Amino acid sequence: MCRSITPLRGLEPPATPDEVRAAAYQYVRKVAATDGRSAPTAEAVEKAVAEITAATERLLAALPPRSRPPAIVPPNRRR
């Protein structure tokens, strides 16, 4: 479903908090079919992004290291 979300596990240097939050925002935007800019959706979107960011950080910390780095370069790291 979220093919545009970049894999964050195994990056060197490790994924930054901004990269984790950007991936969480992409996920929420896709699932909710909204970008959260309107007043009725902003609070719900921001809460979901914060929760998914925290869960993603816990997941990345709990996983063992990858044997190879991901094939895709995150957008924030592209030239």
PDB file of N, CA and C in Angstrom:
ATOM      1  N   MET A   1       0.821  -1.191   0.000  1.00  0.00           N
ATOM      2  CA  MET A   1       0.000   0.000   0.000  1.00  0.00           C
ATOM      3  C   MET A   1       0.864   1.254   0.000  1.00  0.00           C
ATOM      4  N   CYS A   2       1.907   1.285   0.802  1.00  0.00           N
ATOM      5  CA  CYS A   2       2.721   2.499   0.929  1.00  0.00           C
ATOM      6  C   CYS A   2       4.063   2.290   0.261  1.00  0.00           C
ATOM      7  N   ARG A   3       4.057   2.080  -1.014  1.00  0.00           N
ATOM      8  CA  ARG A   3       5.293   1.803  -1.735  1.00  0.00           C
ATOM      9  C   ARG A   3       6.266   2.964  -1.718  1.00  0.00           C
ATOM     10  N   SER A   4       5.774   4.175  -1.484  1.00  0.00           N
ATOM     11  CA  SER A   4       6.661   5.332  -1.530  1.00  0.00           C
ATOM     12  C   SER A   4       7.410   5.551  -0.220  1.00  0.00           C
ATOM     13  N   ILE A   5       7.101   4.798   0.825  1.00  0.00           N
ATOM     14  CA  ILE A   5       7.808   4.947   2.095  1.00  0.00           C
ATOM     15  C   ILE A   5       9.158   4.251   1.979  1.00  0.00           C
ATOM     16  N   THR A   6      10.206   4.980   2.273  1.00  0.00           N
ATOM     17  CA  THR A   6      11.564   4.475   2.149  1.00  0.00           C
ATOM     18  C   THR A   6      11.925   3.581   3.331  1.00  0.00           C
ATOM     19  N   PRO A   7      12.559   2.433   3.086  1.00  0.00           N
ATOM     20  CA  PRO A   7      13.031   1.598   4.192  1.00  0.00           C
ATOM     21  C   PRO A   7      14.053   2.376   5.023  1.00  0.00           C
ATOM     22  N   LEU A   8      13.927   2.307   6.345  1.00  0.00           N
ATOM     23  CA  LEU A   8      14.823   3.044   7.231  1.00  0.00           C
ATOM     24  C   LEU A   8      15.802   2.137   7.966  1.00  0.00           C
ATOM     25  N   ARG A   9      15.514   0.871   8.025  1.00  0.00           N
ATOM     26  CA  ARG A   9      16.394  -0.062   8.740  1.00  0.00           C
ATOM     27  C   ARG A   9      17.685  -0.270   7.962  1.00  0.00           C
ATOM     28  N   GLY A  10      18.803  -0.182   8.657  1.00  0.00           N
ATOM     29  CA  GLY A  10      20.097  -0.469   8.058  1.00  0.00           C
ATOM     30  C   GLY A  10      20.774   0.711   7.395  1.00  0.00           C
ATOM     31  N   LEU A  11      20.245   1.911   7.553  1.00  0.00           N
ATOM     32  CA  LEU A  11      20.883   3.075   6.960  1.00  0.00           C
ATOM     33  C   LEU A  11      22.173   3.400   7.704  1.00  0.00           C
ATOM     34  N   GLU A  12      23.142   3.894   6.982  1.00  0.00           N
ATOM     35  CA  GLU A  12      24.389   4.378   7.578  1.00  0.00           C
ATOM     36  C   GLU A  12      24.608   5.801   7.125  1.00  0.00           C
ATOM     37  N   PRO A  13      24.629   6.757   8.028  1.00  0.00           N
ATOM     38  CA  PRO A  13      24.330   6.638   9.447  1.00  0.00           C
ATOM     39  C   PRO A  13      22.864   6.277   9.659  1.00  0.00           C
ATOM     40  N   PRO A  14      22.512   5.853  10.882  1.00  0.00           N
ATOM     41  CA  PRO A  14      21.121   5.439  11.151  1.00  0.00           C
ATOM     42  C   PRO A  14      20.115   6.528  10.813  1.00  0.00           C
ATOM     43  N   ALA A  15      18.887   6.111  10.611  1.00  0.00           N
ATOM     44  CA  ALA A  15      17.804   7.045  10.282  1.00  0.00           C
ATOM     45  C   ALA A  15      17.703   8.130  11.351  1.00  0.00           C
ATOM     46  N   THR A  16      17.508   9.339  10.897  1.00  0.00           N
ATOM     47  CA  THR A  16      17.374  10.472  11.813  1.00  0.00           C
ATOM     48  C   THR A  16      15.926  10.568  12.296  1.00  0.00           C
ATOM     49  N   PRO A  17      15.695  11.278  13.395  1.00  0.00           N
ATOM     50  CA  PRO A  17      14.308  11.484  13.836  1.00  0.00           C
ATOM     51  C   PRO A  17      13.436  12.139  12.759  1.00  0.00           C
ATOM     52  N   ASP A  18      14.018  13.046  11.969  1.00  0.00           N
ATOM     53  CA  ASP A  18      13.259  13.679  10.882  1.00  0.00           C
ATOM     54  C   ASP A  18      12.852  12.669   9.814  1.00  0.00           C
ATOM     55  N   GLU A  19      13.742  11.729   9.498  1.00  0.00           N
ATOM     56  CA  GLU A  19      13.419  10.706   8.499  1.00  0.00           C
ATOM     57  C   GLU A  19      12.331   9.765   9.013  1.00  0.00           C
ATOM     58  N   VAL A  20      12.399   9.415  10.296  1.00  0.00           N
ATOM     59  CA  VAL A  20      11.378   8.542  10.888  1.00  0.00           C
ATOM     60  C   VAL A  20      10.031   9.257  10.885  1.00  0.00           C
ATOM     61  N   ARG A  21      10.016  10.528  11.256  1.00  0.00           N
ATOM     62  CA  ARG A  21       8.762  11.290  11.281  1.00  0.00           C
ATOM     63  C   ARG A  21       8.202  11.450   9.869  1.00  0.00           C
ATOM     64  N   ALA A  22       9.074  11.680   8.884  1.00  0.00           N
ATOM     65  CA  ALA A  22       8.611  11.823   7.501  1.00  0.00           C
ATOM     66  C   ALA A  22       7.955  10.527   7.010  1.00  0.00           C
ATOM     67  N   ALA A  23       8.528   9.383   7.358  1.00  0.00           N
ATOM     68  CA  ALA A  23       7.935   8.106   6.970  1.00  0.00           C
ATOM     69  C   ALA A  23       6.586   7.910   7.661  1.00  0.00           C
ATOM     70  N   ALA A  24       6.494   8.277   8.933  1.00  0.00           N
ATOM     71  CA  ALA A  24       5.229   8.166   9.663  1.00  0.00           C
ATOM     72  C   ALA A  24       4.174   9.066   9.031  1.00  0.00           C
ATOM     73  N   TYR A  25       4.563  10.266   8.652  1.00  0.00           N
ATOM     74  CA  TYR A  25       3.626  11.203   8.024  1.00  0.00           C
ATOM     75  C   TYR A  25       3.148  10.650   6.678  1.00  0.00           C
ATOM     76  N   GLN A  26       4.053  10.073   5.896  1.00  0.00           N
ATOM     77  CA  GLN A  26       3.661   9.474   4.620  1.00  0.00           C
ATOM     78  C   GLN A  26       2.620   8.376   4.841  1.00  0.00           C
ATOM     79  N   TYR A  27       2.860   7.546   5.849  1.00  0.00           N
ATOM     80  CA  TYR A  27       1.940   6.444   6.149  1.00  0.00           C
ATOM     81  C   TYR A  27       0.565   6.981   6.547  1.00  0.00           C
ATOM     82  N   VAL A  28       0.541   7.932   7.471  1.00  0.00           N
ATOM     83  CA  VAL A  28      -0.735   8.487   7.940  1.00  0.00           C
ATOM     84  C   VAL A  28      -1.475   9.166   6.792  1.00  0.00           C
ATOM     85  N   ARG A  29      -0.754   9.920   5.998  1.00  0.00           N
ATOM     86  CA  ARG A  29      -1.373  10.620   4.868  1.00  0.00           C
ATOM     87  C   ARG A  29      -2.005   9.627   3.903  1.00  0.00           C
ATOM     88  N   LYS A  30      -1.328   8.522   3.657  1.00  0.00           N
ATOM     89  CA  LYS A  30      -1.846   7.518   2.731  1.00  0.00           C
ATOM     90  C   LYS A  30      -3.068   6.809   3.306  1.00  0.00           C
ATOM     91  N   VAL A  31      -2.983   6.368   4.551  1.00  0.00           N
ATOM     92  CA  VAL A  31      -4.073   5.621   5.169  1.00  0.00           C
ATOM     93  C   VAL A  31      -5.303   6.496   5.361  1.00  0.00           C
ATOM     94  N   ALA A  32      -5.100   7.740   5.805  1.00  0.00           N
ATOM     95  CA  ALA A  32      -6.222   8.633   6.094  1.00  0.00           C
ATOM     96  C   ALA A  32      -6.737   9.369   4.861  1.00  0.00           C
ATOM     97  N   ALA A  33      -6.014   9.281   3.772  1.00  0.00           N
ATOM     98  CA  ALA A  33      -6.370   9.991   2.541  1.00  0.00           C
ATOM     99  C   ALA A  33      -6.540  11.491   2.798  1.00  0.00           C
ATOM    100  N   THR A  34      -5.670  12.027   3.633  1.00  0.00           N
ATOM    101  CA  THR A  34      -5.671  13.459   3.932  1.00  0.00           C
ATOM    102  C   THR A  34      -4.258  13.866   4.331  1.00  0.00           C
ATOM    103  N   ASP A  35      -3.945  15.129   4.152  1.00  0.00           N
ATOM    104  CA  ASP A  35      -2.619  15.601   4.564  1.00  0.00           C
ATOM    105  C   ASP A  35      -2.655  16.299   5.917  1.00  0.00           C
ATOM    106  N   GLY A  36      -3.828  16.418   6.520  1.00  0.00           N
ATOM    107  CA  GLY A  36      -3.947  16.989   7.847  1.00  0.00           C
ATOM    108  C   GLY A  36      -3.841  18.490   7.926  1.00  0.00           C
ATOM    109  N   ARG A  37      -4.004  19.155   6.824  1.00  0.00           N
ATOM    110  CA  ARG A  37      -3.880  20.615   6.820  1.00  0.00           C
ATOM    111  C   ARG A  37      -5.161  21.320   7.237  1.00  0.00           C
ATOM    112  N   SER A  38      -6.298  20.646   7.098  1.00  0.00           N
ATOM    113  CA  SER A  38      -7.555  21.296   7.471  1.00  0.00           C
ATOM    114  C   SER A  38      -7.757  21.186   8.978  1.00  0.00           C
ATOM    115  N   ALA A  39      -8.452  22.140   9.539  1.00  0.00           N
ATOM    116  CA  ALA A  39      -8.665  22.193  10.983  1.00  0.00           C
ATOM    117  C   ALA A  39      -9.306  20.916  11.550  1.00  0.00           C
ATOM    118  N   PRO A  40     -10.296  20.342  10.886  1.00  0.00           N
ATOM    119  CA  PRO A  40     -10.931  19.141  11.457  1.00  0.00           C
ATOM    120  C   PRO A  40      -9.999  17.920  11.522  1.00  0.00           C
ATOM    121  N   THR A  41      -8.985  17.854  10.668  1.00  0.00           N
ATOM    122  CA  THR A  41      -8.129  16.665  10.624  1.00  0.00           C
ATOM    123  C   THR A  41      -6.753  16.866  11.246  1.00  0.00           C
ATOM    124  N   ALA A  42      -6.327  18.097  11.444  1.00  0.00           N
ATOM    125  CA  ALA A  42      -4.950  18.380  11.873  1.00  0.00           C
ATOM    126  C   ALA A  42      -4.585  17.680  13.178  1.00  0.00           C
ATOM    127  N   GLU A  43      -5.445  17.778  14.178  1.00  0.00           N
ATOM    128  CA  GLU A  43      -5.124  17.193  15.481  1.00  0.00           C
ATOM    129  C   GLU A  43      -5.011  15.669  15.397  1.00  0.00           C
ATOM    130  N   ALA A  44      -5.945  15.046  14.707  1.00  0.00           N
ATOM    131  CA  ALA A  44      -5.916  13.583  14.579  1.00  0.00           C
ATOM    132  C   ALA A  44      -4.686  13.117  13.813  1.00  0.00           C
ATOM    133  N   VAL A  45      -4.340  13.832  12.747  1.00  0.00           N
ATOM    134  CA  VAL A  45      -3.170  13.466  11.947  1.00  0.00           C
ATOM    135  C   VAL A  45      -1.893  13.629  12.774  1.00  0.00           C
ATOM    136  N   GLU A  46      -1.743  14.729  13.470  1.00  0.00           N
ATOM    137  CA  GLU A  46      -0.532  14.957  14.269  1.00  0.00           C
ATOM    138  C   GLU A  46      -0.392  13.919  15.377  1.00  0.00           C
ATOM    139  N   LYS A  47      -1.496  13.554  16.010  1.00  0.00           N
ATOM    140  CA  LYS A  47      -1.454  12.533  17.067  1.00  0.00           C
ATOM    141  C   LYS A  47      -1.028  11.191  16.484  1.00  0.00           C
ATOM    142  N   ALA A  48      -1.598  10.821  15.349  1.00  0.00           N
ATOM    143  CA  ALA A  48      -1.246   9.551  14.708  1.00  0.00           C
ATOM    144  C   ALA A  48       0.216   9.545  14.282  1.00  0.00           C
ATOM    145  N   VAL A  49       0.695  10.647  13.721  1.00  0.00           N
ATOM    146  CA  VAL A  49       2.097  10.731  13.298  1.00  0.00           C
ATOM    147  C   VAL A  49       3.016  10.549  14.501  1.00  0.00           C
ATOM    148  N   ALA A  50       2.700  11.184  15.621  1.00  0.00           N
ATOM    149  CA  ALA A  50       3.528  11.056  16.824  1.00  0.00           C
ATOM    150  C   ALA A  50       3.550   9.614  17.326  1.00  0.00           C
ATOM    151  N   GLU A  51       2.395   8.956  17.334  1.00  0.00           N
ATOM    152  CA  GLU A  51       2.325   7.573  17.805  1.00  0.00           C
ATOM    153  C   GLU A  51       3.081   6.626  16.874  1.00  0.00           C
ATOM    154  N   ILE A  52       2.942   6.815  15.582  1.00  0.00           N
ATOM    155  CA  ILE A  52       3.623   5.942  14.622  1.00  0.00           C
ATOM    156  C   ILE A  52       5.127   6.214  14.625  1.00  0.00           C
ATOM    157  N   THR A  53       5.519   7.458  14.802  1.00  0.00           N
ATOM    158  CA  THR A  53       6.942   7.779  14.917  1.00  0.00           C
ATOM    159  C   THR A  53       7.549   7.052  16.105  1.00  0.00           C
ATOM    160  N   ALA A  54       6.895   7.106  17.256  1.00  0.00           N
ATOM    161  CA  ALA A  54       7.404   6.430  18.451  1.00  0.00           C
ATOM    162  C   ALA A  54       7.482   4.914  18.244  1.00  0.00           C
ATOM    163  N   ALA A  55       6.440   4.340  17.637  1.00  0.00           N
ATOM    164  CA  ALA A  55       6.441   2.893  17.380  1.00  0.00           C
ATOM    165  C   ALA A  55       7.541   2.511  16.405  1.00  0.00           C
ATOM    166  N   THR A  56       7.771   3.328  15.398  1.00  0.00           N
ATOM    167  CA  THR A  56       8.823   3.056  14.415  1.00  0.00           C
ATOM    168  C   THR A  56      10.195   3.118  15.062  1.00  0.00           C
ATOM    169  N   GLU A  57      10.416   4.112  15.921  1.00  0.00           N
ATOM    170  CA  GLU A  57      11.706   4.215  16.612  1.00  0.00           C
ATOM    171  C   GLU A  57      11.947   2.997  17.496  1.00  0.00           C
ATOM    172  N   ARG A  58      10.910   2.527  18.199  1.00  0.00           N
ATOM    173  CA  ARG A  58      11.052   1.318  19.020  1.00  0.00           C
ATOM    174  C   ARG A  58      11.349   0.100  18.145  1.00  0.00           C
ATOM    175  N   LEU A  59      10.658  -0.009  17.030  1.00  0.00           N
ATOM    176  CA  LEU A  59      10.875  -1.138  16.121  1.00  0.00           C
ATOM    177  C   LEU A  59      12.300  -1.144  15.587  1.00  0.00           C
ATOM    178  N   LEU A  60      12.770  -0.005  15.102  1.00  0.00           N
ATOM    179  CA  LEU A  60      14.125   0.061  14.554  1.00  0.00           C
ATOM    180  C   LEU A  60      15.174  -0.264  15.612  1.00  0.00           C
ATOM    181  N   ALA A  61      14.933   0.152  16.851  1.00  0.00           N
ATOM    182  CA  ALA A  61      15.880  -0.133  17.932  1.00  0.00           C
ATOM    183  C   ALA A  61      15.894  -1.618  18.300  1.00  0.00           C
ATOM    184  N   ALA A  62      14.766  -2.300  18.134  1.00  0.00           N
ATOM    185  CA  ALA A  62      14.649  -3.696  18.538  1.00  0.00           C
ATOM    186  C   ALA A  62      15.134  -4.682  17.467  1.00  0.00           C
ATOM    187  N   LEU A  63      15.170  -4.254  16.217  1.00  0.00           N
ATOM    188  CA  LEU A  63      15.562  -5.166  15.138  1.00  0.00           C
ATOM    189  C   LEU A  63      17.072  -5.359  15.105  1.00  0.00           C
ATOM    190  N   PRO A  64      17.528  -6.567  14.710  1.00  0.00           N
ATOM    191  CA  PRO A  64      18.971  -6.779  14.563  1.00  0.00           C
ATOM    192  C   PRO A  64      19.486  -6.017  13.344  1.00  0.00           C
ATOM    193  N   PRO A  65      20.788  -5.783  13.276  1.00  0.00           N
ATOM    194  CA  PRO A  65      21.348  -5.089  12.119  1.00  0.00           C
ATOM    195  C   PRO A  65      21.100  -5.874  10.828  1.00  0.00           C
ATOM    196  N   ARG A  66      20.992  -5.145   9.735  1.00  0.00           N
ATOM    197  CA  ARG A  66      20.834  -5.789   8.424  1.00  0.00           C
ATOM    198  C   ARG A  66      22.192  -6.223   7.909  1.00  0.00           C
ATOM    199  N   SER A  67      22.202  -7.235   7.074  1.00  0.00           N
ATOM    200  CA  SER A  67      23.462  -7.670   6.481  1.00  0.00           C
ATOM    201  C   SER A  67      23.855  -6.781   5.303  1.00  0.00           C
ATOM    202  N   ARG A  68      22.847  -6.144   4.681  1.00  0.00           N
ATOM    203  CA  ARG A  68      23.109  -5.213   3.571  1.00  0.00           C
ATOM    204  C   ARG A  68      22.282  -3.966   3.788  1.00  0.00           C
ATOM    205  N   PRO A  69      22.780  -2.816   3.359  1.00  0.00           N
ATOM    206  CA  PRO A  69      21.972  -1.599   3.469  1.00  0.00           C
ATOM    207  C   PRO A  69      20.793  -1.666   2.498  1.00  0.00           C
ATOM    208  N   PRO A  70      19.737  -0.875   2.751  1.00  0.00           N
ATOM    209  CA  PRO A  70      18.606  -0.868   1.811  1.00  0.00           C
ATOM    210  C   PRO A  70      19.037  -0.349   0.444  1.00  0.00           C
ATOM    211  N   ALA A  71      18.357  -0.831  -0.581  1.00  0.00           N
ATOM    212  CA  ALA A  71      18.710  -0.441  -1.949  1.00  0.00           C
ATOM    213  C   ALA A  71      18.253   0.967  -2.293  1.00  0.00           C
ATOM    214  N   ILE A  72      17.282   1.485  -1.536  1.00  0.00           N
ATOM    215  CA  ILE A  72      16.707   2.793  -1.835  1.00  0.00           C
ATOM    216  C   ILE A  72      17.316   3.843  -0.915  1.00  0.00           C
ATOM    217  N   VAL A  73      17.718   4.959  -1.487  1.00  0.00           N
ATOM    218  CA  VAL A  73      18.255   6.064  -0.699  1.00  0.00           C
ATOM    219  C   VAL A  73      17.094   6.950  -0.264  1.00  0.00           C
ATOM    220  N   PRO A  74      16.979   7.247   1.044  1.00  0.00           N
ATOM    221  CA  PRO A  74      15.880   8.106   1.497  1.00  0.00           C
ATOM    222  C   PRO A  74      15.908   9.469   0.814  1.00  0.00           C
ATOM    223  N   PRO A  75      14.747  10.054   0.569  1.00  0.00           N
ATOM    224  CA  PRO A  75      14.681  11.356  -0.121  1.00  0.00           C
ATOM    225  C   PRO A  75      15.518  12.438   0.542  1.00  0.00           C
ATOM    226  N   ASN A  76      15.560  12.447   1.880  1.00  0.00           N
ATOM    227  CA  ASN A  76      16.324  13.487   2.576  1.00  0.00           C
ATOM    228  C   ASN A  76      17.829  13.338   2.371  1.00  0.00           C
ATOM    229  N   ARG A  77      18.255  12.190   1.877  1.00  0.00           N
ATOM    230  CA  ARG A  77      19.681  11.951   1.662  1.00  0.00           C
ATOM    231  C   ARG A  77      20.102  12.018   0.195  1.00  0.00           C
ATOM    232  N   ARG A  78      19.141  12.224  -0.670  1.00  0.00           N
ATOM    233  CA  ARG A  78      19.470  12.305  -2.095  1.00  0.00           C
ATOM    234  C   ARG A  78      20.086  13.648  -2.432  1.00  0.00           C
ATOM    235  N   ARG A  79      20.934  13.650  -3.415  1.00  0.00           N
ATOM    236  CA  ARG A  79      21.586  14.897  -3.845  1.00  0.00           C
ATOM    237  C   ARG A  79      20.671  15.719  -4.688  1.00  0.00           C
TER     238      ARG A  79
END
